[in-house]
Amino acid sequence: MSLVKRAVAKFDVGQLYMTRGVAEGIDEDDVFKALVRHLDGDWGDVDEHDRQMNDDAVSFGGRLLSAYVDRSNTRFWIITEADRSATTILLPSEY
């Protein structure tokens, strides 16, 4: 019997957006996996300061920033706004 971990979002994402750069350049499976990690509080490749800021923001409010790398080694970000109205998946160059 296999066990499947069910992802439970730790916060609301609001409206979900994806930039053209991500839509055209990042594999959709990589985007989906990163989004699940973001929702689970796995902030990806951020430093300890940003990790702590994100953890605090989940509890007390504030913007969330996660950073991931796709299978082609392309870096992309997921940003959830402080008011949880929107989450955007984008390339750093599109910021």
N, C-alpha and C. Protein backbone atom coordinates (compact mmCIF):
# COMPACT_ATOMS: atom_id res chain seq x y z
N MET A 1 0.85 -1.17 0.00
CA MET A 1 0.00 0.00 0.00
C MET A 1 0.89 1.23 0.00
N SER A 2 0.61 2.16 -0.88
CA SER A 2 1.41 3.39 -0.92
C SER A 2 0.70 4.47 -0.12
N LEU A 3 1.49 5.30 0.51
CA LEU A 3 0.95 6.42 1.26
C LEU A 3 1.10 7.67 0.44
N VAL A 4 0.08 8.46 0.39
CA VAL A 4 0.09 9.70 -0.38
C VAL A 4 -0.07 10.85 0.60
N LYS A 5 0.86 11.78 0.56
CA LYS A 5 0.76 12.98 1.40
C LYS A 5 -0.21 13.94 0.74
N ARG A 6 -1.18 14.37 1.49
CA ARG A 6 -2.14 15.34 0.97
C ARG A 6 -1.67 16.73 1.34
N ALA A 7 -1.58 17.58 0.34
CA ALA A 7 -1.15 18.97 0.57
C ALA A 7 -2.32 19.77 1.14
N VAL A 8 -2.06 20.48 2.20
CA VAL A 8 -3.05 21.37 2.79
C VAL A 8 -2.42 22.76 2.78
N ALA A 9 -3.07 23.68 2.12
CA ALA A 9 -2.54 25.04 2.01
C ALA A 9 -2.48 25.68 3.38
N LYS A 10 -1.36 26.32 3.67
CA LYS A 10 -1.17 27.01 4.95
C LYS A 10 -1.70 28.44 4.90
N PHE A 11 -2.12 28.88 3.71
CA PHE A 11 -2.62 30.25 3.52
C PHE A 11 -3.41 30.29 2.23
N ASP A 12 -4.21 31.33 2.07
CA ASP A 12 -4.96 31.55 0.83
C ASP A 12 -4.03 32.11 -0.24
N VAL A 13 -4.25 31.72 -1.47
CA VAL A 13 -3.43 32.24 -2.57
C VAL A 13 -4.14 33.36 -3.32
N GLY A 14 -5.44 33.51 -3.13
CA GLY A 14 -6.17 34.51 -3.89
C GLY A 14 -6.21 34.12 -5.36
N GLN A 15 -6.24 35.14 -6.22
CA GLN A 15 -6.24 34.91 -7.66
C GLN A 15 -4.85 34.44 -8.07
N LEU A 16 -4.77 33.43 -8.90
CA LEU A 16 -3.49 32.87 -9.34
C LEU A 16 -3.13 33.41 -10.72
N TYR A 17 -1.90 33.95 -10.84
CA TYR A 17 -1.40 34.50 -12.10
C TYR A 17 -0.08 33.86 -12.48
N MET A 18 0.17 33.80 -13.77
CA MET A 18 1.43 33.29 -14.30
C MET A 18 1.87 34.23 -15.42
N THR A 19 3.12 34.66 -15.37
CA THR A 19 3.60 35.54 -16.43
C THR A 19 3.86 34.76 -17.72
N ARG A 20 4.00 35.51 -18.78
CA ARG A 20 4.26 34.90 -20.08
C ARG A 20 5.57 34.11 -20.07
N GLY A 21 6.59 34.65 -19.40
CA GLY A 21 7.88 33.96 -19.34
C GLY A 21 7.78 32.59 -18.71
N VAL A 22 7.00 32.48 -17.67
CA VAL A 22 6.80 31.18 -17.01
C VAL A 22 5.96 30.28 -17.91
N ALA A 23 4.87 30.81 -18.45
CA ALA A 23 3.99 30.01 -19.30
C ALA A 23 4.73 29.44 -20.51
N GLU A 24 5.65 30.22 -21.06
CA GLU A 24 6.36 29.79 -22.26
C GLU A 24 7.67 29.06 -21.97
N GLY A 25 8.22 29.23 -20.75
CA GLY A 25 9.55 28.69 -20.52
C GLY A 25 9.73 27.67 -19.43
N ILE A 26 8.70 27.48 -18.58
CA ILE A 26 8.82 26.55 -17.47
C ILE A 26 7.82 25.42 -17.67
N ASP A 27 8.28 24.19 -17.52
CA ASP A 27 7.42 23.02 -17.67
C ASP A 27 6.28 23.10 -16.65
N GLU A 28 5.06 22.82 -17.09
CA GLU A 28 3.90 22.96 -16.21
C GLU A 28 3.97 22.04 -14.99
N ASP A 29 4.59 20.88 -15.13
CA ASP A 29 4.75 19.99 -13.97
C ASP A 29 5.65 20.64 -12.92
N ASP A 30 6.70 21.32 -13.36
CA ASP A 30 7.59 22.01 -12.43
C ASP A 30 6.86 23.15 -11.73
N VAL A 31 6.01 23.86 -12.46
CA VAL A 31 5.23 24.94 -11.87
C VAL A 31 4.28 24.37 -10.83
N PHE A 32 3.58 23.31 -11.17
CA PHE A 32 2.62 22.71 -10.24
C PHE A 32 3.31 22.22 -8.97
N LYS A 33 4.42 21.52 -9.12
CA LYS A 33 5.16 21.01 -7.96
C LYS A 33 5.64 22.16 -7.07
N ALA A 34 6.11 23.22 -7.68
CA ALA A 34 6.57 24.38 -6.91
C ALA A 34 5.41 25.04 -6.19
N LEU A 35 4.26 25.15 -6.84
CA LEU A 35 3.11 25.76 -6.20
C LEU A 35 2.66 24.95 -4.99
N VAL A 36 2.65 23.64 -5.11
CA VAL A 36 2.30 22.78 -3.97
C VAL A 36 3.29 22.99 -2.83
N ARG A 37 4.58 23.09 -3.15
CA ARG A 37 5.59 23.34 -2.11
C ARG A 37 5.35 24.70 -1.45
N HIS A 38 5.08 25.71 -2.26
CA HIS A 38 4.82 27.07 -1.75
C HIS A 38 3.64 27.03 -0.77
N LEU A 39 2.56 26.38 -1.15
CA LEU A 39 1.37 26.31 -0.31
C LEU A 39 1.61 25.54 0.98
N ASP A 40 2.58 24.65 0.95
CA ASP A 40 2.92 23.83 2.11
C ASP A 40 3.95 24.50 3.02
N GLY A 41 4.42 25.70 2.63
CA GLY A 41 5.41 26.40 3.44
C GLY A 41 6.84 25.96 3.19
N ASP A 42 7.07 25.28 2.07
CA ASP A 42 8.43 24.94 1.63
C ASP A 42 8.84 26.03 0.65
N TRP A 43 9.65 26.96 1.11
CA TRP A 43 9.93 28.18 0.37
C TRP A 43 11.00 28.02 -0.69
N GLY A 44 11.51 26.81 -0.87
CA GLY A 44 12.49 26.56 -1.93
C GLY A 44 13.85 27.13 -1.59
N ASP A 45 14.46 27.75 -2.58
CA ASP A 45 15.84 28.22 -2.50
C ASP A 45 15.90 29.69 -2.07
N VAL A 46 15.54 29.94 -0.80
CA VAL A 46 15.67 31.28 -0.23
C VAL A 46 16.61 31.19 0.98
N ASP A 47 17.20 32.31 1.34
CA ASP A 47 18.12 32.28 2.49
C ASP A 47 17.33 32.20 3.80
N GLU A 48 18.05 31.99 4.89
CA GLU A 48 17.41 31.79 6.19
C GLU A 48 16.59 33.00 6.62
N HIS A 49 17.08 34.19 6.33
CA HIS A 49 16.33 35.41 6.67
C HIS A 49 14.97 35.44 5.96
N ASP A 50 14.97 35.18 4.64
CA ASP A 50 13.72 35.17 3.89
C ASP A 50 12.80 34.03 4.33
N ARG A 51 13.40 32.90 4.68
CA ARG A 51 12.61 31.76 5.17
C ARG A 51 11.87 32.15 6.45
N GLN A 52 12.58 32.80 7.36
CA GLN A 52 11.96 33.23 8.61
C GLN A 52 10.90 34.30 8.37
N MET A 53 11.18 35.22 7.45
CA MET A 53 10.20 36.26 7.11
C MET A 53 8.91 35.61 6.57
N ASN A 54 9.05 34.60 5.72
CA ASN A 54 7.89 33.90 5.18
C ASN A 54 7.12 33.18 6.29
N ASP A 55 7.85 32.49 7.17
CA ASP A 55 7.18 31.79 8.26
C ASP A 55 6.40 32.77 9.13
N ASP A 56 7.00 33.91 9.42
CA ASP A 56 6.31 34.94 10.21
C ASP A 56 5.10 35.49 9.45
N ALA A 57 5.25 35.66 8.15
CA ALA A 57 4.16 36.21 7.33
C ALA A 57 2.95 35.28 7.29
N VAL A 58 3.19 33.98 7.34
CA VAL A 58 2.07 33.04 7.38
C VAL A 58 1.27 33.24 8.66
N SER A 59 1.97 33.44 9.76
CA SER A 59 1.31 33.59 11.06
C SER A 59 0.74 34.98 11.30
N PHE A 60 1.46 36.01 10.87
CA PHE A 60 1.10 37.37 11.26
C PHE A 60 0.73 38.29 10.09
N GLY A 61 0.85 37.80 8.87
CA GLY A 61 0.56 38.60 7.69
C GLY A 61 1.83 39.12 7.06
N GLY A 62 1.79 39.32 5.79
CA GLY A 62 2.93 39.82 5.02
C GLY A 62 3.07 39.05 3.72
N ARG A 63 3.89 39.60 2.86
CA ARG A 63 4.11 39.00 1.54
C ARG A 63 4.95 37.75 1.67
N LEU A 64 4.70 36.78 0.81
CA LEU A 64 5.43 35.52 0.78
C LEU A 64 6.19 35.40 -0.54
N LEU A 65 7.46 35.02 -0.46
CA LEU A 65 8.28 34.84 -1.65
C LEU A 65 8.99 33.50 -1.57
N SER A 66 8.76 32.68 -2.59
CA SER A 66 9.46 31.41 -2.73
C SER A 66 10.27 31.45 -4.01
N ALA A 67 11.36 30.69 -4.03
CA ALA A 67 12.22 30.62 -5.22
C ALA A 67 12.50 29.15 -5.54
N TYR A 68 12.35 28.80 -6.79
CA TYR A 68 12.54 27.42 -7.22
C TYR A 68 13.34 27.38 -8.51
N VAL A 69 13.83 26.19 -8.84
CA VAL A 69 14.57 25.98 -10.08
C VAL A 69 13.89 24.83 -10.81
N ASP A 70 13.62 25.00 -12.10
CA ASP A 70 12.96 23.95 -12.87
C ASP A 70 13.97 22.92 -13.35
N ARG A 71 13.51 21.96 -14.10
CA ARG A 71 14.35 20.86 -14.58
C ARG A 71 15.44 21.32 -15.54
N SER A 72 15.29 22.52 -16.11
CA SER A 72 16.32 23.08 -17.01
C SER A 72 17.22 24.07 -16.28
N ASN A 73 17.09 24.10 -14.95
CA ASN A 73 17.89 24.98 -14.11
C ASN A 73 17.53 26.46 -14.28
N THR A 74 16.28 26.72 -14.65
CA THR A 74 15.78 28.08 -14.75
C THR A 74 15.11 28.45 -13.44
N ARG A 75 15.54 29.57 -12.88
CA ARG A 75 15.00 30.03 -11.60
C ARG A 75 13.67 30.76 -11.83
N PHE A 76 12.71 30.52 -10.95
CA PHE A 76 11.45 31.25 -10.99
C PHE A 76 10.95 31.47 -9.57
N TRP A 77 10.10 32.45 -9.42
CA TRP A 77 9.58 32.85 -8.12
C TRP A 77 8.08 32.64 -8.05
N ILE A 78 7.60 32.47 -6.82
CA ILE A 78 6.17 32.51 -6.54
C ILE A 78 5.99 33.54 -5.42
N ILE A 79 5.17 34.54 -5.68
CA ILE A 79 4.93 35.61 -4.71
C ILE A 79 3.43 35.66 -4.39
N THR A 80 3.12 35.57 -3.10
CA THR A 80 1.75 35.76 -2.64
C THR A 80 1.70 37.10 -1.92
N GLU A 81 0.76 37.93 -2.34
CA GLU A 81 0.63 39.27 -1.77
C GLU A 81 0.24 39.22 -0.30
N ALA A 82 0.59 40.26 0.43
CA ALA A 82 0.36 40.32 1.87
C ALA A 82 -1.12 40.18 2.23
N ASP A 83 -2.01 40.72 1.39
CA ASP A 83 -3.44 40.63 1.69
C ASP A 83 -4.06 39.33 1.17
N ARG A 84 -3.22 38.46 0.59
CA ARG A 84 -3.63 37.15 0.06
C ARG A 84 -4.63 37.27 -1.08
N SER A 85 -4.62 38.41 -1.76
CA SER A 85 -5.54 38.61 -2.88
C SER A 85 -5.03 37.96 -4.16
N ALA A 86 -3.72 37.74 -4.25
CA ALA A 86 -3.15 37.20 -5.49
C ALA A 86 -1.83 36.51 -5.23
N THR A 87 -1.57 35.53 -6.08
CA THR A 87 -0.28 34.84 -6.11
C THR A 87 0.19 34.84 -7.56
N THR A 88 1.43 35.25 -7.76
CA THR A 88 1.99 35.35 -9.11
C THR A 88 3.21 34.46 -9.23
N ILE A 89 3.28 33.72 -10.33
CA ILE A 89 4.44 32.88 -10.65
C ILE A 89 5.16 33.60 -11.78
N LEU A 90 6.43 33.92 -11.55
CA LEU A 90 7.15 34.76 -12.51
C LEU A 90 8.63 34.43 -12.53
N LEU A 91 9.28 34.87 -13.59
CA LEU A 91 10.74 34.81 -13.67
C LEU A 91 11.30 36.03 -12.96
N PRO A 92 12.47 35.91 -12.33
CA PRO A 92 13.07 37.10 -11.68
C PRO A 92 13.21 38.28 -12.63
N SER A 93 13.51 38.03 -13.89
CA SER A 93 13.67 39.11 -14.87
C SER A 93 12.37 39.84 -15.16
N GLU A 94 11.23 39.25 -14.78
CA GLU A 94 9.93 39.88 -15.02
C GLU A 94 9.43 40.67 -13.83
N TYR A 95 10.22 40.75 -12.78
CA TYR A 95 9.80 41.44 -11.56
C TYR A 95 9.82 42.94 -11.76
